[in-house]
Amino acid sequence: MPTLVHAVGRSDLPAYPMSDRFRHEIAYFMSVPGAAGVPELAAGEYWVALDQTRTWLDEGAILVVSPLDSASRTEVELSEELEGWLEWMAKHQVEHIRIG
């Protein structure tokens, strides 16, 4: 069964299906809770800044920083699945999501 990404507050927008591994991959895309512009979120909800979404799409990759050494950074190319999800987010101007 796929993981569904729901746009919070957007009942007009059907959920976007993703593979189950997305439950772990969202950590690379979510804005840090408590950061400027990030509202309080319920459990299972995430904030993905629209400007960052557009940057990742333009670059076709994300920058991953090692949790053990912040100086170690790797650029990871977006998979087709992740690119499709980011395009959905940008097209519909979604920032607040729930994974279910």
N, C-alpha and C. Protein backbone atom coordinates (compact mmCIF):
# COMPACT_ATOMS: atom_id res chain seq x y z
N MET A 1 0.85 -1.19 0.00
CA MET A 1 0.00 0.00 0.00
C MET A 1 0.88 1.24 0.00
N PRO A 2 0.60 2.18 -0.86
CA PRO A 2 1.45 3.37 -0.94
C PRO A 2 1.22 4.31 0.25
N THR A 3 2.18 5.15 0.48
CA THR A 3 2.07 6.22 1.46
C THR A 3 1.40 7.39 0.75
N LEU A 4 0.43 8.01 1.39
CA LEU A 4 -0.26 9.14 0.77
C LEU A 4 0.17 10.44 1.42
N VAL A 5 0.47 11.43 0.58
CA VAL A 5 0.83 12.75 1.05
C VAL A 5 -0.39 13.65 0.85
N HIS A 6 -0.89 14.18 1.96
CA HIS A 6 -2.08 15.03 1.94
C HIS A 6 -1.66 16.48 2.14
N ALA A 7 -2.23 17.38 1.36
CA ALA A 7 -2.01 18.81 1.54
C ALA A 7 -2.96 19.27 2.64
N VAL A 8 -2.42 19.67 3.78
CA VAL A 8 -3.24 20.08 4.93
C VAL A 8 -4.01 21.35 4.56
N GLY A 9 -5.32 21.30 4.83
CA GLY A 9 -6.18 22.45 4.55
C GLY A 9 -6.59 22.57 3.10
N ARG A 10 -6.29 21.56 2.29
CA ARG A 10 -6.62 21.60 0.86
C ARG A 10 -7.46 20.39 0.49
N SER A 11 -8.72 20.38 0.92
CA SER A 11 -9.61 19.27 0.63
C SER A 11 -9.91 19.15 -0.87
N ASP A 12 -9.62 20.21 -1.63
CA ASP A 12 -9.83 20.20 -3.08
C ASP A 12 -8.74 19.43 -3.83
N LEU A 13 -7.67 19.08 -3.13
CA LEU A 13 -6.51 18.47 -3.77
C LEU A 13 -6.38 17.01 -3.36
N PRO A 14 -6.44 16.09 -4.34
CA PRO A 14 -6.28 14.66 -4.01
C PRO A 14 -4.89 14.40 -3.43
N ALA A 15 -4.80 13.41 -2.56
CA ALA A 15 -3.51 13.02 -1.97
C ALA A 15 -2.57 12.53 -3.06
N TYR A 16 -1.27 12.71 -2.81
CA TYR A 16 -0.25 12.28 -3.77
C TYR A 16 0.37 10.98 -3.27
N PRO A 17 0.33 9.92 -4.08
CA PRO A 17 0.88 8.62 -3.65
C PRO A 17 2.40 8.57 -3.78
N MET A 18 3.03 8.03 -2.73
CA MET A 18 4.48 7.83 -2.71
C MET A 18 4.76 6.42 -2.19
N SER A 19 5.96 5.93 -2.44
CA SER A 19 6.33 4.63 -1.90
C SER A 19 6.51 4.75 -0.38
N ASP A 20 6.48 3.63 0.30
CA ASP A 20 6.58 3.63 1.76
C ASP A 20 7.90 4.21 2.27
N ARG A 21 8.96 4.13 1.48
CA ARG A 21 10.25 4.67 1.95
C ARG A 21 10.20 6.20 2.12
N PHE A 22 9.18 6.84 1.55
CA PHE A 22 9.05 8.29 1.68
C PHE A 22 8.89 8.70 3.15
N ARG A 23 8.36 7.81 3.97
CA ARG A 23 8.21 8.12 5.41
C ARG A 23 9.58 8.45 6.04
N HIS A 24 10.64 7.89 5.49
CA HIS A 24 11.99 8.19 5.97
C HIS A 24 12.62 9.34 5.18
N GLU A 25 12.32 9.42 3.92
CA GLU A 25 12.93 10.44 3.05
C GLU A 25 12.43 11.85 3.35
N ILE A 26 11.24 11.98 3.95
CA ILE A 26 10.70 13.32 4.22
C ILE A 26 11.66 14.12 5.11
N ALA A 27 12.46 13.45 5.91
CA ALA A 27 13.42 14.13 6.79
C ALA A 27 14.40 15.01 6.00
N TYR A 28 14.69 14.66 4.77
CA TYR A 28 15.60 15.45 3.94
C TYR A 28 14.96 16.73 3.41
N PHE A 29 13.65 16.79 3.43
CA PHE A 29 12.93 17.89 2.79
C PHE A 29 12.21 18.81 3.77
N MET A 30 11.91 18.34 4.96
CA MET A 30 11.12 19.11 5.90
C MET A 30 11.90 20.29 6.47
N SER A 31 11.18 21.37 6.72
CA SER A 31 11.77 22.51 7.40
C SER A 31 11.87 22.18 8.88
N VAL A 32 12.84 22.75 9.54
CA VAL A 32 13.07 22.47 10.95
C VAL A 32 11.94 23.06 11.79
N PRO A 33 11.28 22.23 12.60
CA PRO A 33 10.22 22.75 13.47
C PRO A 33 10.77 23.86 14.37
N GLY A 34 10.01 24.93 14.50
CA GLY A 34 10.44 26.06 15.31
C GLY A 34 11.22 27.12 14.55
N ALA A 35 11.61 26.82 13.31
CA ALA A 35 12.33 27.80 12.49
C ALA A 35 11.37 28.91 12.07
N ALA A 36 11.92 30.03 11.69
CA ALA A 36 11.10 31.16 11.26
C ALA A 36 10.19 30.75 10.10
N GLY A 37 8.91 31.09 10.22
CA GLY A 37 7.96 30.80 9.16
C GLY A 37 7.34 29.42 9.22
N VAL A 38 7.80 28.57 10.14
CA VAL A 38 7.26 27.21 10.27
C VAL A 38 6.25 27.21 11.41
N PRO A 39 4.98 26.96 11.11
CA PRO A 39 3.96 26.96 12.16
C PRO A 39 4.05 25.71 13.04
N GLU A 40 3.30 25.72 14.14
CA GLU A 40 3.18 24.53 14.98
C GLU A 40 2.54 23.42 14.15
N LEU A 41 3.08 22.23 14.24
CA LEU A 41 2.58 21.12 13.43
C LEU A 41 2.16 19.96 14.33
N ALA A 42 1.11 19.28 13.93
CA ALA A 42 0.65 18.10 14.64
C ALA A 42 1.56 16.91 14.29
N ALA A 43 1.45 15.86 15.05
CA ALA A 43 2.22 14.64 14.77
C ALA A 43 1.88 14.14 13.37
N GLY A 44 2.90 13.76 12.62
CA GLY A 44 2.70 13.25 11.26
C GLY A 44 2.57 14.34 10.22
N GLU A 45 2.71 15.61 10.63
CA GLU A 45 2.64 16.74 9.69
C GLU A 45 4.03 17.33 9.50
N TYR A 46 4.25 17.88 8.31
CA TYR A 46 5.55 18.44 7.95
C TYR A 46 5.36 19.74 7.18
N TRP A 47 6.37 20.59 7.24
CA TRP A 47 6.39 21.84 6.50
C TRP A 47 7.56 21.78 5.53
N VAL A 48 7.27 21.97 4.25
CA VAL A 48 8.30 21.98 3.22
C VAL A 48 8.19 23.35 2.53
N ALA A 49 9.17 24.21 2.77
CA ALA A 49 9.12 25.58 2.26
C ALA A 49 9.06 25.59 0.73
N LEU A 50 8.12 26.35 0.21
CA LEU A 50 7.89 26.40 -1.23
C LEU A 50 9.12 26.91 -1.99
N ASP A 51 9.81 27.90 -1.45
CA ASP A 51 11.02 28.39 -2.14
C ASP A 51 12.09 27.31 -2.22
N GLN A 52 12.20 26.49 -1.17
CA GLN A 52 13.16 25.39 -1.19
C GLN A 52 12.74 24.32 -2.19
N THR A 53 11.45 24.04 -2.25
CA THR A 53 10.93 23.08 -3.23
C THR A 53 11.33 23.49 -4.63
N ARG A 54 11.16 24.75 -4.94
CA ARG A 54 11.51 25.25 -6.28
C ARG A 54 13.02 25.16 -6.55
N THR A 55 13.81 25.43 -5.53
CA THR A 55 15.27 25.32 -5.68
C THR A 55 15.67 23.88 -5.99
N TRP A 56 15.12 22.92 -5.24
CA TRP A 56 15.45 21.52 -5.49
C TRP A 56 15.05 21.10 -6.90
N LEU A 57 13.89 21.56 -7.34
CA LEU A 57 13.45 21.23 -8.70
C LEU A 57 14.39 21.83 -9.74
N ASP A 58 14.77 23.09 -9.54
CA ASP A 58 15.68 23.75 -10.49
C ASP A 58 17.04 23.05 -10.55
N GLU A 59 17.53 22.61 -9.39
CA GLU A 59 18.85 21.99 -9.32
C GLU A 59 18.81 20.50 -9.62
N GLY A 60 17.63 19.88 -9.47
CA GLY A 60 17.51 18.44 -9.72
C GLY A 60 18.20 17.58 -8.67
N ALA A 61 18.51 18.19 -7.53
CA ALA A 61 19.22 17.47 -6.48
C ALA A 61 18.97 18.14 -5.13
N ILE A 62 19.31 17.40 -4.07
CA ILE A 62 19.28 17.96 -2.72
C ILE A 62 20.67 17.82 -2.12
N LEU A 63 20.96 18.67 -1.17
CA LEU A 63 22.23 18.62 -0.46
C LEU A 63 21.99 17.92 0.86
N VAL A 64 22.69 16.82 1.09
CA VAL A 64 22.54 16.04 2.32
C VAL A 64 23.78 16.29 3.18
N VAL A 65 23.53 16.69 4.43
CA VAL A 65 24.61 16.96 5.37
C VAL A 65 24.70 15.79 6.34
N SER A 66 25.89 15.31 6.58
CA SER A 66 26.10 14.19 7.50
C SER A 66 25.72 14.60 8.92
N PRO A 67 24.94 13.76 9.62
CA PRO A 67 24.61 14.08 11.01
C PRO A 67 25.82 13.93 11.94
N LEU A 68 26.87 13.28 11.46
CA LEU A 68 28.07 13.07 12.28
C LEU A 68 29.14 14.13 12.06
N ASP A 69 29.10 14.79 10.91
CA ASP A 69 30.11 15.79 10.57
C ASP A 69 29.49 16.80 9.63
N SER A 70 29.13 17.96 10.14
CA SER A 70 28.42 18.95 9.33
C SER A 70 29.26 19.47 8.16
N ALA A 71 30.55 19.21 8.16
CA ALA A 71 31.39 19.63 7.04
C ALA A 71 31.28 18.65 5.87
N SER A 72 30.76 17.45 6.15
CA SER A 72 30.60 16.44 5.10
C SER A 72 29.24 16.61 4.45
N ARG A 73 29.26 16.99 3.19
CA ARG A 73 28.02 17.22 2.44
C ARG A 73 28.08 16.47 1.13
N THR A 74 26.92 15.97 0.73
CA THR A 74 26.82 15.23 -0.53
C THR A 74 25.60 15.70 -1.28
N GLU A 75 25.76 15.90 -2.56
CA GLU A 75 24.62 16.25 -3.40
C GLU A 75 24.03 14.96 -3.94
N VAL A 76 22.71 14.79 -3.75
CA VAL A 76 22.01 13.58 -4.17
C VAL A 76 20.99 13.96 -5.23
N GLU A 77 21.08 13.30 -6.38
CA GLU A 77 20.14 13.56 -7.48
C GLU A 77 18.74 13.09 -7.09
N LEU A 78 17.74 13.87 -7.48
CA LEU A 78 16.35 13.51 -7.20
C LEU A 78 15.93 12.30 -8.04
N SER A 79 15.23 11.38 -7.40
CA SER A 79 14.65 10.26 -8.15
C SER A 79 13.43 10.79 -8.90
N GLU A 80 12.94 10.03 -9.87
CA GLU A 80 11.74 10.44 -10.60
C GLU A 80 10.56 10.59 -9.65
N GLU A 81 10.47 9.69 -8.67
CA GLU A 81 9.37 9.75 -7.71
C GLU A 81 9.42 11.04 -6.89
N LEU A 82 10.59 11.39 -6.36
CA LEU A 82 10.73 12.60 -5.57
C LEU A 82 10.52 13.85 -6.42
N GLU A 83 11.00 13.82 -7.63
CA GLU A 83 10.80 14.96 -8.54
C GLU A 83 9.31 15.15 -8.82
N GLY A 84 8.58 14.06 -9.03
CA GLY A 84 7.14 14.15 -9.26
C GLY A 84 6.41 14.74 -8.07
N TRP A 85 6.79 14.32 -6.87
CA TRP A 85 6.18 14.86 -5.65
C TRP A 85 6.48 16.35 -5.51
N LEU A 86 7.73 16.74 -5.72
CA LEU A 86 8.08 18.16 -5.62
C LEU A 86 7.36 19.00 -6.67
N GLU A 87 7.19 18.46 -7.86
CA GLU A 87 6.42 19.17 -8.89
C GLU A 87 4.97 19.36 -8.45
N TRP A 88 4.39 18.33 -7.83
CA TRP A 88 3.03 18.42 -7.30
C TRP A 88 2.95 19.51 -6.23
N MET A 89 3.94 19.53 -5.34
CA MET A 89 3.99 20.55 -4.28
C MET A 89 4.07 21.95 -4.87
N ALA A 90 4.97 22.14 -5.84
CA ALA A 90 5.15 23.46 -6.45
C ALA A 90 3.93 23.88 -7.25
N LYS A 91 3.40 22.98 -8.05
CA LYS A 91 2.25 23.30 -8.91
C LYS A 91 1.06 23.78 -8.08
N HIS A 92 0.84 23.14 -6.93
CA HIS A 92 -0.32 23.46 -6.10
C HIS A 92 0.03 24.38 -4.92
N GLN A 93 1.27 24.85 -4.89
CA GLN A 93 1.77 25.75 -3.85
C GLN A 93 1.50 25.21 -2.45
N VAL A 94 1.88 23.95 -2.26
CA VAL A 94 1.68 23.26 -0.99
C VAL A 94 2.96 23.35 -0.16
N GLU A 95 2.81 23.69 1.10
CA GLU A 95 3.93 23.67 2.04
C GLU A 95 3.65 22.77 3.25
N HIS A 96 2.40 22.71 3.66
CA HIS A 96 1.99 21.97 4.86
C HIS A 96 1.40 20.64 4.42
N ILE A 97 2.05 19.54 4.83
CA ILE A 97 1.59 18.22 4.42
C ILE A 97 1.43 17.29 5.63
N ARG A 98 0.64 16.26 5.41
CA ARG A 98 0.46 15.18 6.37
C ARG A 98 0.69 13.88 5.63
N ILE A 99 1.40 12.98 6.24
CA ILE A 99 1.65 11.69 5.62
C ILE A 99 0.75 10.66 6.28
N GLY A 100 0.02 9.94 5.44
CA GLY A 100 -0.91 8.96 5.99
C GLY A 100 -1.04 7.74 5.13
